[in-house]
Amino acid sequence: MKILAVQNRMGIGDTIIFLPFIKAICTKFNSPISLLVKENSKADQFLYQTNYIDKILFLERDRTNQNRHNGFLGSLKLIKDIKKYDFDKIIIFNSSLRFNIIAKLSGIPEIYQYPLFQKTNQHITNTPKKFVKEKLKIDVNEDPEIQIEKSIISQAKEKFQIKQDETNILLGIGGSGPTKRIPAKTFLNVMEKLLKIKKCKFFLATGKNNDEQIILNEVMQTKFKNYCQPLDNLSIKETLPIIKNCNFSICNDSSFSHLSAALGIKTITLMADTPLIYGNYNSKMFPIIPDNEQTVGHNTLGKEKINPQKIFDKVLEIID
């Protein structure tokens, strides 16, 4: 049986959030699932060894009119791309009439989709949970899972000199937006506290964006630089086994927080300006919100109010 799941939200985090539903569908039908996702999901970088995933098809479409699947002609190209795989079922995690028509014209016999024209106020986890329960009779209560071979984890351990007598910590200091990036001084404060009680090595995860590089340089220009290993020159694929070797992670709301938790690593998520669900949907996530806030969401603008002592206290709690 060939099954295609469509998840067209943007980014790594949203793709990871939907993995429990994909895995549950695989289990029900005893068949790995192919994914249709956007290119910026980078799904091929982190799902290439995950056994409930079959093929990864990229939706080459964005808000411009330049990409291959944009517009009417783009839809025809997408139909052609899908049709050649002869899928038996398609599960569409959105309410788009466009995708419904594309599925029908692709000749897929069984189509399961969110209710049409009901895009407003769809909850990131509750909506798909209700959908697969009602349409496919599947209960989903698991965390996202990314799989990676033990041999690759061992190779990374040797290559990056990851030692068992050290506490290895991923610091996700980057982030997709300026309001999500916690200042370097907060991380440095936590690093200082940790080094007083443990022998530590810090893996600094960030992108090449100029603002992220500024934070990375601020950390690397301190007395802690000899305890740090920047990861900004590595691909997502190359970082996975390093993350898997870490004892825990402390991450901004970024792709690395989602990757870390999905790899089974306890992950402290620093939630400054995003709905809390993005930092607590996984049982491996332990969110920290700004001081004097009861919750967090868009426009909380709380990156300066993330308390390093609270981060440190949470570290002690999860490693105890």
Protein backbone atom coordinates (compact mmCIF):
# COMPACT_ATOMS: atom_id res chain seq x y z
CA MET A 1 0.00 0.00 0.00
CA LYS A 2 1.24 3.46 -0.91
CA ILE A 3 0.15 6.37 1.29
CA LEU A 4 0.91 10.08 0.93
CA ALA A 5 0.53 12.56 3.78
CA VAL A 6 0.37 16.27 2.99
CA GLN A 7 1.71 18.67 5.63
CA ASN A 8 2.24 22.05 4.00
CA ARG A 9 3.02 24.22 7.02
CA MET A 10 6.38 25.94 6.92
CA GLY A 11 9.53 24.96 8.72
CA ILE A 12 11.18 22.16 10.63
CA GLY A 13 9.18 22.55 13.84
CA ASP A 14 5.74 22.16 12.28
CA THR A 15 6.91 19.09 10.35
CA ILE A 16 8.19 17.49 13.54
CA ILE A 17 4.99 18.27 15.44
CA PHE A 18 3.04 16.19 12.90
CA LEU A 19 5.31 13.12 13.11
CA PRO A 20 3.24 11.25 15.76
CA PHE A 21 0.26 11.33 13.40
CA ILE A 22 2.37 10.10 10.49
CA LYS A 23 3.79 7.27 12.57
CA ALA A 24 0.33 6.25 13.81
CA ILE A 25 -0.97 6.08 10.23
CA CYS A 26 2.03 3.92 9.31
CA THR A 27 1.22 1.57 12.18
CA LYS A 28 -2.48 1.31 11.32
CA PHE A 29 -1.91 0.47 7.67
CA ASN A 30 1.41 -1.36 8.16
CA SER A 31 3.05 0.80 5.54
CA PRO A 32 5.66 3.58 5.66
CA ILE A 33 4.26 6.97 4.72
CA SER A 34 5.47 9.31 2.00
CA LEU A 35 5.39 13.01 2.83
CA LEU A 36 4.58 16.06 0.75
CA VAL A 37 6.18 18.96 2.61
CA LYS A 38 7.66 22.36 1.83
CA GLU A 39 11.34 22.57 0.97
CA ASN A 40 12.11 24.70 4.03
CA SER A 41 10.96 21.82 6.23
CA LYS A 42 14.35 20.23 5.41
CA ALA A 43 12.63 16.90 6.07
CA ASP A 44 15.19 15.03 3.98
CA GLN A 45 17.88 16.20 6.41
CA PHE A 46 16.35 14.68 9.55
CA LEU A 47 13.96 11.91 8.43
CA TYR A 48 16.27 9.98 6.14
CA GLN A 49 16.68 7.11 8.65
CA THR A 50 13.23 7.17 10.24
CA ASN A 51 11.59 3.84 9.37
CA TYR A 52 7.98 4.99 9.24
CA ILE A 53 8.84 7.47 6.46
CA ASP A 54 9.01 6.34 2.84
CA LYS A 55 9.58 9.02 0.21
CA ILE A 56 9.83 12.77 0.77
CA LEU A 57 8.27 14.92 -1.93
CA PHE A 58 8.84 18.65 -1.84
CA LEU A 59 6.11 21.18 -2.45
CA GLU A 60 7.90 23.85 -4.46
CA ARG A 61 5.50 26.67 -3.69
CA ASP A 62 5.62 29.88 -1.68
CA ARG A 63 4.07 33.35 -1.72
CA THR A 64 5.99 34.40 -4.80
CA ASN A 65 5.04 33.29 -8.28
CA GLN A 66 8.48 31.96 -9.10
CA ASN A 67 8.37 28.39 -7.81
CA ARG A 68 7.54 25.26 -9.74
CA HIS A 69 4.21 24.45 -8.06
CA ASN A 70 2.81 28.00 -7.95
CA GLY A 71 -0.36 28.94 -9.76
CA PHE A 72 -2.54 26.94 -12.13
CA LEU A 73 0.33 25.52 -14.18
CA GLY A 74 2.14 24.68 -10.94
CA SER A 75 -0.86 22.69 -9.79
CA LEU A 76 -0.77 20.68 -13.02
CA LYS A 77 2.93 19.97 -12.44
CA LEU A 78 2.19 18.86 -8.87
CA ILE A 79 -0.55 16.52 -10.11
CA LYS A 80 1.94 15.02 -12.56
CA ASP A 81 4.57 14.66 -9.81
CA ILE A 82 2.16 12.88 -7.46
CA LYS A 83 0.47 10.75 -10.09
CA LYS A 84 3.59 8.81 -11.01
CA TYR A 85 3.73 7.20 -7.56
CA ASP A 86 0.26 5.58 -7.81
CA PHE A 87 -0.70 6.33 -4.21
CA ASP A 88 -3.63 4.35 -2.78
CA LYS A 89 -4.48 6.85 -0.05
CA ILE A 90 -3.78 10.49 0.71
CA ILE A 91 -4.12 12.16 4.11
CA ILE A 92 -4.27 15.94 3.81
CA PHE A 93 -3.55 17.89 7.00
CA ASN A 94 -5.17 21.11 5.77
CA SER A 95 -8.55 22.44 4.60
CA SER A 96 -7.47 23.55 1.14
CA LEU A 97 -9.83 22.95 -1.79
CA ARG A 98 -6.76 23.17 -4.04
CA PHE A 99 -5.20 20.09 -2.45
CA ASN A 100 -8.52 18.26 -2.58
CA ILE A 101 -8.77 18.84 -6.33
CA ILE A 102 -5.10 17.93 -6.84
CA ALA A 103 -5.63 14.65 -4.95
CA LYS A 104 -8.66 13.76 -7.09
CA LEU A 105 -6.94 14.64 -10.36
CA SER A 106 -3.91 12.62 -9.26
CA GLY A 107 -6.15 9.56 -9.31
CA ILE A 108 -5.78 8.67 -5.64
CA PRO A 109 -8.74 6.42 -4.70
CA GLU A 110 -9.03 7.27 -0.99
CA ILE A 111 -8.83 10.88 0.19
CA TYR A 112 -8.90 11.90 3.87
CA GLN A 113 -8.76 15.61 4.63
CA TYR A 114 -9.53 18.25 7.21
CA PRO A 115 -13.00 19.76 6.68
CA LEU A 116 -12.84 22.15 3.72
CA PHE A 117 -12.82 25.93 4.24
CA GLN A 118 -12.18 25.69 8.00
CA LYS A 119 -8.61 26.94 8.18
CA THR A 120 -9.28 29.60 10.84
CA ASN A 121 -8.22 28.78 14.41
CA GLN A 122 -6.89 25.28 13.68
CA HIS A 123 -4.90 24.14 16.71
CA ILE A 124 -1.45 22.78 15.86
CA THR A 125 -1.92 19.50 17.78
CA ASN A 126 -5.58 19.19 18.75
CA THR A 127 -6.90 19.56 15.20
CA PRO A 128 -4.84 16.70 13.69
CA LYS A 129 -5.51 14.55 16.75
CA LYS A 130 -9.27 14.98 16.29
CA PHE A 131 -8.95 14.47 12.53
CA VAL A 132 -7.16 11.10 12.66
CA LYS A 133 -9.49 9.94 15.44
CA GLU A 134 -12.64 10.74 13.48
CA LYS A 135 -11.48 9.84 9.97
CA LEU A 136 -9.08 6.96 10.61
CA LYS A 137 -10.09 5.69 14.08
CA ILE A 138 -6.58 6.31 15.40
CA ASP A 139 -5.73 7.56 18.88
CA VAL A 140 -2.45 9.47 18.98
CA ASN A 141 -0.73 10.18 22.30
CA GLU A 142 2.96 9.72 21.47
CA ASP A 143 5.81 12.20 21.19
CA PRO A 144 7.45 12.90 17.82
CA GLU A 145 10.27 10.49 17.04
CA ILE A 146 13.29 10.95 14.80
CA GLN A 147 15.40 7.83 14.33
CA ILE A 148 19.13 7.63 13.70
CA GLU A 149 21.48 4.65 13.50
CA LYS A 150 23.66 3.85 16.49
CA SER A 151 26.76 3.58 14.30
CA ILE A 152 26.36 7.20 13.17
CA ILE A 153 25.93 8.33 16.79
CA SER A 154 29.14 6.50 17.71
CA GLN A 155 31.04 8.03 14.80
CA ALA A 156 30.00 11.53 15.86
CA LYS A 157 31.02 10.78 19.43
CA GLU A 158 34.51 9.91 18.27
CA LYS A 159 34.84 12.69 15.68
CA PHE A 160 33.78 15.47 18.04
CA GLN A 161 35.52 14.00 21.11
CA ILE A 162 32.33 13.71 23.10
CA LYS A 163 33.42 12.26 26.44
CA GLN A 164 31.34 10.37 28.96
CA ASP A 165 33.04 12.08 31.90
CA GLU A 166 31.75 15.45 30.66
CA THR A 167 28.21 16.78 30.65
CA ASN A 168 27.47 17.46 26.99
CA ILE A 169 24.93 20.20 26.40
CA LEU A 170 23.32 21.49 23.24
CA LEU A 171 22.73 25.24 23.35
CA GLY A 172 20.26 26.27 20.66
CA ILE A 173 21.25 29.93 20.63
CA GLY A 174 19.87 30.70 17.16
CA GLY A 175 16.31 31.26 16.05
CA SER A 176 14.23 32.22 13.04
CA GLY A 177 13.18 35.63 14.35
CA PRO A 178 14.80 38.39 16.43
CA THR A 179 12.13 38.23 19.16
CA LYS A 180 12.86 34.53 19.72
CA ARG A 181 16.61 34.87 20.17
CA ILE A 182 17.52 35.07 23.85
CA PRO A 183 20.53 37.37 24.51
CA ALA A 184 23.97 35.78 24.77
CA LYS A 185 24.33 37.10 28.34
CA THR A 186 21.52 34.78 29.48
CA PHE A 187 23.26 31.71 28.09
CA LEU A 188 26.62 32.84 29.48
CA ASN A 189 25.11 33.21 32.94
CA VAL A 190 23.78 29.64 32.78
CA MET A 191 27.08 28.33 31.43
CA GLU A 192 28.95 29.90 34.33
CA LYS A 193 26.60 28.32 36.86
CA LEU A 194 26.91 24.89 35.22
CA LEU A 195 30.70 24.97 35.02
CA LYS A 196 30.86 25.55 38.77
CA ILE A 197 29.22 22.20 39.43
CA LYS A 198 30.08 20.06 36.40
CA LYS A 199 32.69 19.46 33.75
CA CYS A 200 30.81 20.59 30.65
CA LYS A 201 31.09 20.82 26.90
CA PHE A 202 28.67 23.10 25.07
CA PHE A 203 27.59 22.57 21.46
CA LEU A 204 26.41 25.88 20.01
CA ALA A 205 23.65 25.42 17.46
CA THR A 206 22.83 28.37 15.25
CA GLY A 207 22.44 29.35 11.63
CA LYS A 208 24.45 31.65 9.37
CA ASN A 209 22.07 34.58 9.72
CA ASN A 210 24.05 37.70 10.71
CA ASP A 211 22.13 38.28 13.96
CA GLU A 212 22.61 34.65 14.99
CA GLN A 213 26.32 34.92 14.22
CA ILE A 214 26.53 37.97 16.49
CA ILE A 215 25.19 35.90 19.41
CA LEU A 216 27.58 33.06 18.55
CA ASN A 217 30.54 35.44 18.47
CA GLU A 218 29.52 36.99 21.78
CA VAL A 219 29.73 33.56 23.38
CA MET A 220 32.97 32.58 21.62
CA GLN A 221 34.72 35.80 22.67
CA THR A 222 34.43 34.98 26.36
CA LYS A 223 36.41 32.87 28.80
CA PHE A 224 34.06 29.97 27.99
CA LYS A 225 35.21 29.54 24.38
CA ASN A 226 37.40 26.53 25.21
CA TYR A 227 34.34 24.70 26.48
CA CYS A 228 32.39 25.34 23.27
CA GLN A 229 31.98 23.66 19.90
CA PRO A 230 30.12 25.77 17.29
CA LEU A 231 27.91 23.78 14.91
CA ASP A 232 27.04 26.55 12.44
CA ASN A 233 29.13 25.04 9.64
CA LEU A 234 27.29 21.72 9.82
CA SER A 235 24.09 20.67 8.08
CA ILE A 236 21.03 19.57 10.03
CA LYS A 237 21.88 16.00 9.03
CA GLU A 238 25.37 16.33 10.50
CA THR A 239 24.11 17.82 13.76
CA LEU A 240 21.64 15.02 14.55
CA PRO A 241 24.14 12.49 15.95
CA ILE A 242 25.84 15.23 17.97
CA ILE A 243 22.52 16.21 19.53
CA LYS A 244 21.78 12.56 20.26
CA ASN A 245 25.06 12.36 22.22
CA CYS A 246 24.08 15.28 24.48
CA ASN A 247 22.84 14.85 28.04
CA PHE A 248 20.28 17.65 27.63
CA SER A 249 19.57 20.78 25.60
CA ILE A 250 18.78 24.41 26.31
CA CYS A 251 17.23 25.98 23.23
CA ASN A 252 15.48 29.06 22.00
CA ASP A 253 12.21 28.38 20.20
CA SER A 254 14.04 27.16 17.12
CA SER A 255 14.40 24.11 14.91
CA PHE A 256 16.98 22.73 17.35
CA SER A 257 14.50 22.56 20.22
CA HIS A 258 12.17 20.44 18.07
CA LEU A 259 14.97 18.25 16.73
CA SER A 260 16.46 17.71 20.18
CA ALA A 261 13.19 16.67 21.82
CA ALA A 262 12.26 14.42 18.89
CA LEU A 263 15.63 12.67 19.30
CA GLY A 264 14.62 11.88 22.89
CA ILE A 265 16.86 14.47 24.54
CA LYS A 266 15.46 16.42 27.50
CA THR A 267 15.10 19.94 26.15
CA ILE A 268 14.63 23.17 28.06
CA THR A 269 12.72 25.48 25.71
CA LEU A 270 13.07 29.24 26.15
CA MET A 271 9.72 30.66 25.10
CA ALA A 272 9.90 34.42 24.64
CA ASP A 273 7.46 35.29 21.87
CA THR A 274 5.67 32.18 20.56
CA PRO A 275 2.58 30.27 21.72
CA LEU A 276 3.54 27.95 24.56
CA ILE A 277 2.31 24.86 22.70
CA TYR A 278 5.44 25.04 20.52
CA GLY A 279 7.57 24.52 23.62
CA ASN A 280 5.60 21.93 25.56
CA TYR A 281 3.90 19.56 23.07
CA ASN A 282 6.59 16.93 23.70
CA SER A 283 7.07 15.26 27.10
CA LYS A 284 10.83 15.83 26.66
CA MET A 285 10.28 19.62 26.58
CA PHE A 286 10.54 21.78 29.69
CA PRO A 287 9.50 25.36 28.92
CA ILE A 288 10.79 28.50 30.61
CA ILE A 289 8.65 31.60 30.11
CA PRO A 290 9.49 35.25 30.84
CA ASP A 291 9.35 36.49 34.40
CA ASN A 292 5.99 37.95 35.48
CA GLU A 293 4.11 36.16 32.66
CA GLN A 294 1.49 33.45 33.16
CA THR A 295 1.86 32.16 29.62
CA VAL A 296 3.48 33.25 26.37
CA GLY A 297 2.34 34.00 22.83
CA HIS A 298 2.98 36.21 19.85
CA ASN A 299 3.93 39.73 20.96
CA THR A 300 4.89 38.72 24.49
CA LEU A 301 8.33 40.11 23.55
CA GLY A 302 9.91 38.56 26.60
CA LYS A 303 13.42 37.62 25.53
CA GLU A 304 15.03 40.00 28.04
CA LYS A 305 12.91 38.51 30.84
CA ILE A 306 14.03 34.89 30.53
CA ASN A 307 15.61 34.29 33.93
CA PRO A 308 18.94 32.38 33.83
CA GLN A 309 18.41 31.18 37.41
CA LYS A 310 15.17 29.53 36.36
CA ILE A 311 16.99 27.81 33.51
CA PHE A 312 19.68 26.57 35.89
CA ASP A 313 17.10 25.36 38.41
CA LYS A 314 15.32 23.45 35.64
CA VAL A 315 18.61 21.85 34.62
CA LEU A 316 19.13 20.61 38.16
CA GLU A 317 15.58 19.29 38.20
CA ILE A 318 15.78 17.30 34.96
CA ILE A 319 19.24 15.80 35.56
CA ASP A 320 18.55 14.83 39.17
